[in-house]
Amino acid sequence: MNKITQYLKASIEEMKKVTWPTKKETYNFTILVISISLGVALFLGLLDIIFNFGLEYLITNR
């Protein structure tokens, strides 16, 4: 039981040292993650369409 208490005390002390982001930083990082995710999804979707047309062309013209 002593180890659990010691662990909890150490965890609380470490949490006091954490620098939490501000609301503005959180908002900006959220927008950044969403934008990058949409960009990657668009890029991969375009690659999928291009490869699909290429494969379809190879299959039908042989």
PDB file of N, CA and C in Angstrom:
ATOM      1  N   MET A   1       0.824  -1.193   0.000  1.00  0.00           N
ATOM      2  CA  MET A   1       0.000   0.000   0.000  1.00  0.00           C
ATOM      3  C   MET A   1       0.867   1.256   0.000  1.00  0.00           C
ATOM      4  N   ASN A   2       2.040   1.157   0.622  1.00  0.00           N
ATOM      5  CA  ASN A   2       2.945   2.290   0.698  1.00  0.00           C
ATOM      6  C   ASN A   2       3.448   2.677  -0.694  1.00  0.00           C
ATOM      7  N   LYS A   3       3.705   1.684  -1.543  1.00  0.00           N
ATOM      8  CA  LYS A   3       4.188   1.974  -2.898  1.00  0.00           C
ATOM      9  C   LYS A   3       3.125   2.699  -3.723  1.00  0.00           C
ATOM     10  N   ILE A   4       1.871   2.332  -3.529  1.00  0.00           N
ATOM     11  CA  ILE A   4       0.786   2.993  -4.261  1.00  0.00           C
ATOM     12  C   ILE A   4       0.681   4.454  -3.828  1.00  0.00           C
ATOM     13  N   THR A   5       0.755   4.705  -2.528  1.00  0.00           N
ATOM     14  CA  THR A   5       0.690   6.072  -2.014  1.00  0.00           C
ATOM     15  C   THR A   5       1.867   6.891  -2.534  1.00  0.00           C
ATOM     16  N   GLN A   6       3.048   6.298  -2.522  1.00  0.00           N
ATOM     17  CA  GLN A   6       4.245   6.981  -3.015  1.00  0.00           C
ATOM     18  C   GLN A   6       4.106   7.289  -4.500  1.00  0.00           C
ATOM     19  N   TYR A   7       3.576   6.352  -5.250  1.00  0.00           N
ATOM     20  CA  TYR A   7       3.369   6.548  -6.684  1.00  0.00           C
ATOM     21  C   TYR A   7       2.390   7.700  -6.940  1.00  0.00           C
ATOM     22  N   LEU A   8       1.296   7.721  -6.208  1.00  0.00           N
ATOM     23  CA  LEU A   8       0.297   8.781  -6.384  1.00  0.00           C
ATOM     24  C   LEU A   8       0.863  10.150  -6.022  1.00  0.00           C
ATOM     25  N   LYS A   9       1.621  10.236  -4.954  1.00  0.00           N
ATOM     26  CA  LYS A   9       2.245  11.507  -4.561  1.00  0.00           C
ATOM     27  C   LYS A   9       3.223  11.984  -5.641  1.00  0.00           C
ATOM     28  N   ALA A  10       4.026  11.059  -6.159  1.00  0.00           N
ATOM     29  CA  ALA A  10       4.984  11.421  -7.209  1.00  0.00           C
ATOM     30  C   ALA A  10       4.249  11.853  -8.479  1.00  0.00           C
ATOM     31  N   SER A  11       3.149  11.193  -8.790  1.00  0.00           N
ATOM     32  CA  SER A  11       2.362  11.562  -9.978  1.00  0.00           C
ATOM     33  C   SER A  11       1.783  12.962  -9.832  1.00  0.00           C
ATOM     34  N   ILE A  12       1.278  13.281  -8.648  1.00  0.00           N
ATOM     35  CA  ILE A  12       0.718  14.615  -8.415  1.00  0.00           C
ATOM     36  C   ILE A  12       1.806  15.679  -8.531  1.00  0.00           C
ATOM     37  N   GLU A  13       2.981  15.407  -7.998  1.00  0.00           N
ATOM     38  CA  GLU A  13       4.098  16.354  -8.108  1.00  0.00           C
ATOM     39  C   GLU A  13       4.496  16.573  -9.567  1.00  0.00           C
ATOM     40  N   GLU A  14       4.536  15.513 -10.345  1.00  0.00           N
ATOM     41  CA  GLU A  14       4.881  15.643 -11.761  1.00  0.00           C
ATOM     42  C   GLU A  14       3.816  16.435 -12.524  1.00  0.00           C
ATOM     43  N   MET A  15       2.546  16.226 -12.178  1.00  0.00           N
ATOM     44  CA  MET A  15       1.462  16.946 -12.851  1.00  0.00           C
ATOM     45  C   MET A  15       1.548  18.450 -12.581  1.00  0.00           C
ATOM     46  N   LYS A  16       2.098  18.836 -11.435  1.00  0.00           N
ATOM     47  CA  LYS A  16       2.271  20.258 -11.116  1.00  0.00           C
ATOM     48  C   LYS A  16       3.334  20.906 -12.001  1.00  0.00           C
ATOM     49  N   LYS A  17       4.261  20.092 -12.531  1.00  0.00           N
ATOM     50  CA  LYS A  17       5.344  20.604 -13.378  1.00  0.00           C
ATOM     51  C   LYS A  17       4.938  20.734 -14.844  1.00  0.00           C
ATOM     52  N   VAL A  18       3.815  20.152 -15.208  1.00  0.00           N
ATOM     53  CA  VAL A  18       3.378  20.145 -16.607  1.00  0.00           C
ATOM     54  C   VAL A  18       2.955  21.544 -17.027  1.00  0.00           C
ATOM     55  N   THR A  19       3.398  21.955 -18.205  1.00  0.00           N
ATOM     56  CA  THR A  19       2.960  23.221 -18.783  1.00  0.00           C
ATOM     57  C   THR A  19       1.854  22.914 -19.779  1.00  0.00           C
ATOM     58  N   TRP A  20       0.636  23.285 -19.422  1.00  0.00           N
ATOM     59  CA  TRP A  20      -0.507  22.992 -20.275  1.00  0.00           C
ATOM     60  C   TRP A  20      -0.643  24.063 -21.353  1.00  0.00           C
ATOM     61  N   PRO A  21      -1.082  23.684 -22.562  1.00  0.00           N
ATOM     62  CA  PRO A  21      -1.261  24.696 -23.622  1.00  0.00           C
ATOM     63  C   PRO A  21      -2.448  25.607 -23.311  1.00  0.00           C
ATOM     64  N   THR A  22      -2.369  26.810 -23.865  1.00  0.00           N
ATOM     65  CA  THR A  22      -3.474  27.754 -23.694  1.00  0.00           C
ATOM     66  C   THR A  22      -4.622  27.353 -24.619  1.00  0.00           C
ATOM     67  N   LYS A  23      -5.772  28.004 -24.439  1.00  0.00           N
ATOM     68  CA  LYS A  23      -6.912  27.718 -25.313  1.00  0.00           C
ATOM     69  C   LYS A  23      -6.574  28.038 -26.761  1.00  0.00           C
ATOM     70  N   LYS A  24      -5.868  29.141 -26.975  1.00  0.00           N
ATOM     71  CA  LYS A  24      -5.514  29.545 -28.334  1.00  0.00           C
ATOM     72  C   LYS A  24      -4.574  28.520 -28.976  1.00  0.00           C
ATOM     73  N   GLU A  25      -3.587  28.055 -28.230  1.00  0.00           N
ATOM     74  CA  GLU A  25      -2.666  27.045 -28.755  1.00  0.00           C
ATOM     75  C   GLU A  25      -3.410  25.752 -29.083  1.00  0.00           C
ATOM     76  N   THR A  26      -4.294  25.352 -28.195  1.00  0.00           N
ATOM     77  CA  THR A  26      -5.078  24.130 -28.428  1.00  0.00           C
ATOM     78  C   THR A  26      -5.925  24.268 -29.683  1.00  0.00           C
ATOM     79  N   TYR A  27      -6.571  25.418 -29.841  1.00  0.00           N
ATOM     80  CA  TYR A  27      -7.395  25.675 -31.031  1.00  0.00           C
ATOM     81  C   TYR A  27      -6.538  25.632 -32.292  1.00  0.00           C
ATOM     82  N   ASN A  28      -5.392  26.330 -32.262  1.00  0.00           N
ATOM     83  CA  ASN A  28      -4.518  26.368 -33.439  1.00  0.00           C
ATOM     84  C   ASN A  28      -3.991  24.982 -33.810  1.00  0.00           C
ATOM     85  N   PHE A  29      -3.578  24.199 -32.817  1.00  0.00           N
ATOM     86  CA  PHE A  29      -3.071  22.855 -33.101  1.00  0.00           C
ATOM     87  C   PHE A  29      -4.183  21.940 -33.621  1.00  0.00           C
ATOM     88  N   THR A  30      -5.392  22.128 -33.107  1.00  0.00           N
ATOM     89  CA  THR A  30      -6.524  21.330 -33.587  1.00  0.00           C
ATOM     90  C   THR A  30      -6.805  21.634 -35.052  1.00  0.00           C
ATOM     91  N   ILE A  31      -6.829  22.912 -35.401  1.00  0.00           N
ATOM     92  CA  ILE A  31      -7.048  23.319 -36.795  1.00  0.00           C
ATOM     93  C   ILE A  31      -5.920  22.781 -37.674  1.00  0.00           C
ATOM     94  N   LEU A  32      -4.693  22.831 -37.188  1.00  0.00           N
ATOM     95  CA  LEU A  32      -3.550  22.329 -37.945  1.00  0.00           C
ATOM     96  C   LEU A  32      -3.678  20.830 -38.212  1.00  0.00           C
ATOM     97  N   VAL A  33      -4.043  20.067 -37.190  1.00  0.00           N
ATOM     98  CA  VAL A  33      -4.186  18.609 -37.349  1.00  0.00           C
ATOM     99  C   VAL A  33      -5.309  18.285 -38.326  1.00  0.00           C
ATOM    100  N   ILE A  34      -6.433  18.981 -38.211  1.00  0.00           N
ATOM    101  CA  ILE A  34      -7.550  18.737 -39.130  1.00  0.00           C
ATOM    102  C   ILE A  34      -7.152  19.083 -40.557  1.00  0.00           C
ATOM    103  N   SER A  35      -6.451  20.202 -40.741  1.00  0.00           N
ATOM    104  CA  SER A  35      -6.026  20.620 -42.087  1.00  0.00           C
ATOM    105  C   SER A  35      -5.060  19.614 -42.713  1.00  0.00           C
ATOM    106  N   ILE A  36      -4.093  19.190 -41.939  1.00  0.00           N
ATOM    107  CA  ILE A  36      -3.129  18.217 -42.456  1.00  0.00           C
ATOM    108  C   ILE A  36      -3.824  16.897 -42.773  1.00  0.00           C
ATOM    109  N   SER A  37      -4.747  16.477 -41.925  1.00  0.00           N
ATOM    110  CA  SER A  37      -5.484  15.231 -42.168  1.00  0.00           C
ATOM    111  C   SER A  37      -6.293  15.320 -43.458  1.00  0.00           C
ATOM    112  N   LEU A  38      -6.968  16.437 -43.668  1.00  0.00           N
ATOM    113  CA  LEU A  38      -7.740  16.610 -44.898  1.00  0.00           C
ATOM    114  C   LEU A  38      -6.823  16.660 -46.118  1.00  0.00           C
ATOM    115  N   GLY A  39      -5.679  17.327 -45.988  1.00  0.00           N
ATOM    116  CA  GLY A  39      -4.721  17.389 -47.091  1.00  0.00           C
ATOM    117  C   GLY A  39      -4.191  16.011 -47.468  1.00  0.00           C
ATOM    118  N   VAL A  40      -3.838  15.218 -46.477  1.00  0.00           N
ATOM    119  CA  VAL A  40      -3.334  13.867 -46.739  1.00  0.00           C
ATOM    120  C   VAL A  40      -4.436  13.007 -47.347  1.00  0.00           C
ATOM    121  N   ALA A  41      -5.660  13.147 -46.840  1.00  0.00           N
ATOM    122  CA  ALA A  41      -6.783  12.373 -47.389  1.00  0.00           C
ATOM    123  C   ALA A  41      -7.021  12.743 -48.846  1.00  0.00           C
ATOM    124  N   LEU A  42      -6.960  14.027 -49.164  1.00  0.00           N
ATOM    125  CA  LEU A  42      -7.135  14.474 -50.546  1.00  0.00           C
ATOM    126  C   LEU A  42      -6.021  13.935 -51.443  1.00  0.00           C
ATOM    127  N   PHE A  43      -4.787  14.011 -50.965  1.00  0.00           N
ATOM    128  CA  PHE A  43      -3.649  13.513 -51.730  1.00  0.00           C
ATOM    129  C   PHE A  43      -3.768  12.014 -52.001  1.00  0.00           C
ATOM    130  N   LEU A  44      -4.081  11.246 -50.964  1.00  0.00           N
ATOM    131  CA  LEU A  44      -4.201   9.796 -51.138  1.00  0.00           C
ATOM    132  C   LEU A  44      -5.405   9.447 -52.019  1.00  0.00           C
ATOM    133  N   GLY A  45      -6.493  10.213 -51.902  1.00  0.00           N
ATOM    134  CA  GLY A  45      -7.651   9.990 -52.765  1.00  0.00           C
ATOM    135  C   GLY A  45      -7.316  10.234 -54.228  1.00  0.00           C
ATOM    136  N   LEU A  46      -6.558  11.301 -54.491  1.00  0.00           N
ATOM    137  CA  LEU A  46      -6.151  11.576 -55.874  1.00  0.00           C
ATOM    138  C   LEU A  46      -5.222  10.488 -56.405  1.00  0.00           C
ATOM    139  N   LEU A  47      -4.292  10.033 -55.578  1.00  0.00           N
ATOM    140  CA  LEU A  47      -3.423   8.933 -56.002  1.00  0.00           C
ATOM    141  C   LEU A  47      -4.240   7.676 -56.307  1.00  0.00           C
ATOM    142  N   ASP A  48      -5.236   7.408 -55.489  1.00  0.00           N
ATOM    143  CA  ASP A  48      -6.092   6.245 -55.706  1.00  0.00           C
ATOM    144  C   ASP A  48      -6.820   6.351 -57.038  1.00  0.00           C
ATOM    145  N   ILE A  49      -7.346   7.535 -57.344  1.00  0.00           N
ATOM    146  CA  ILE A  49      -8.054   7.732 -58.609  1.00  0.00           C
ATOM    147  C   ILE A  49      -7.099   7.546 -59.790  1.00  0.00           C
ATOM    148  N   ILE A  50      -5.907   8.127 -59.686  1.00  0.00           N
ATOM    149  CA  ILE A  50      -4.921   8.012 -60.772  1.00  0.00           C
ATOM    150  C   ILE A  50      -4.526   6.558 -60.991  1.00  0.00           C
ATOM    151  N   PHE A  51      -4.202   5.839 -59.912  1.00  0.00           N
ATOM    152  CA  PHE A  51      -3.820   4.438 -60.052  1.00  0.00           C
ATOM    153  C   PHE A  51      -4.983   3.580 -60.545  1.00  0.00           C
ATOM    154  N   ASN A  52      -6.188   3.919 -60.152  1.00  0.00           N
ATOM    155  CA  ASN A  52      -7.359   3.181 -60.602  1.00  0.00           C
ATOM    156  C   ASN A  52      -7.534   3.336 -62.117  1.00  0.00           C
ATOM    157  N   PHE A  53      -7.415   4.583 -62.602  1.00  0.00           N
ATOM    158  CA  PHE A  53      -7.514   4.803 -64.049  1.00  0.00           C
ATOM    159  C   PHE A  53      -6.386   4.087 -64.787  1.00  0.00           C
ATOM    160  N   GLY A  54      -5.174   4.149 -64.221  1.00  0.00           N
ATOM    161  CA  GLY A  54      -4.039   3.485 -64.863  1.00  0.00           C
ATOM    162  C   GLY A  54      -4.220   1.982 -64.932  1.00  0.00           C
ATOM    163  N   LEU A  55      -4.665   1.378 -63.867  1.00  0.00           N
ATOM    164  CA  LEU A  55      -4.889  -0.066 -63.849  1.00  0.00           C
ATOM    165  C   LEU A  55      -6.025  -0.445 -64.790  1.00  0.00           C
ATOM    166  N   GLU A  56      -7.071   0.341 -64.794  1.00  0.00           N
ATOM    167  CA  GLU A  56      -8.197   0.082 -65.687  1.00  0.00           C
ATOM    168  C   GLU A  56      -7.753   0.178 -67.155  1.00  0.00           C
ATOM    169  N   TYR A  57      -6.895   1.142 -67.445  1.00  0.00           N
ATOM    170  CA  TYR A  57      -6.369   1.302 -68.803  1.00  0.00           C
ATOM    171  C   TYR A  57      -5.540   0.083 -69.204  1.00  0.00           C
ATOM    172  N   LEU A  58      -4.685  -0.373 -68.292  1.00  0.00           N
ATOM    173  CA  LEU A  58      -3.852  -1.549 -68.592  1.00  0.00           C
ATOM    174  C   LEU A  58      -4.688  -2.807 -68.800  1.00  0.00           C
ATOM    175  N   ILE A  59      -5.742  -2.968 -68.041  1.00  0.00           N
ATOM    176  CA  ILE A  59      -6.572  -4.166 -68.145  1.00  0.00           C
ATOM    177  C   ILE A  59      -7.408  -4.174 -69.425  1.00  0.00           C
ATOM    178  N   THR A  60      -7.996  -3.021 -69.774  1.00  0.00           N
ATOM    179  CA  THR A  60      -8.895  -2.982 -70.921  1.00  0.00           C
ATOM    180  C   THR A  60      -8.162  -2.890 -72.257  1.00  0.00           C
ATOM    181  N   ASN A  61      -6.939  -2.430 -72.287  1.00  0.00           N
ATOM    182  CA  ASN A  61      -6.226  -2.277 -73.549  1.00  0.00           C
ATOM    183  C   ASN A  61      -5.207  -3.379 -73.813  1.00  0.00           C
ATOM    184  N   ARG A  62      -5.395  -4.506 -73.268  1.00  0.00           N
ATOM    185  CA  ARG A  62      -4.476  -5.624 -73.538  1.00  0.00           C
ATOM    186  C   ARG A  62      -5.172  -6.715 -74.267  1.00  0.00           C
TER     187      ARG A  62
END
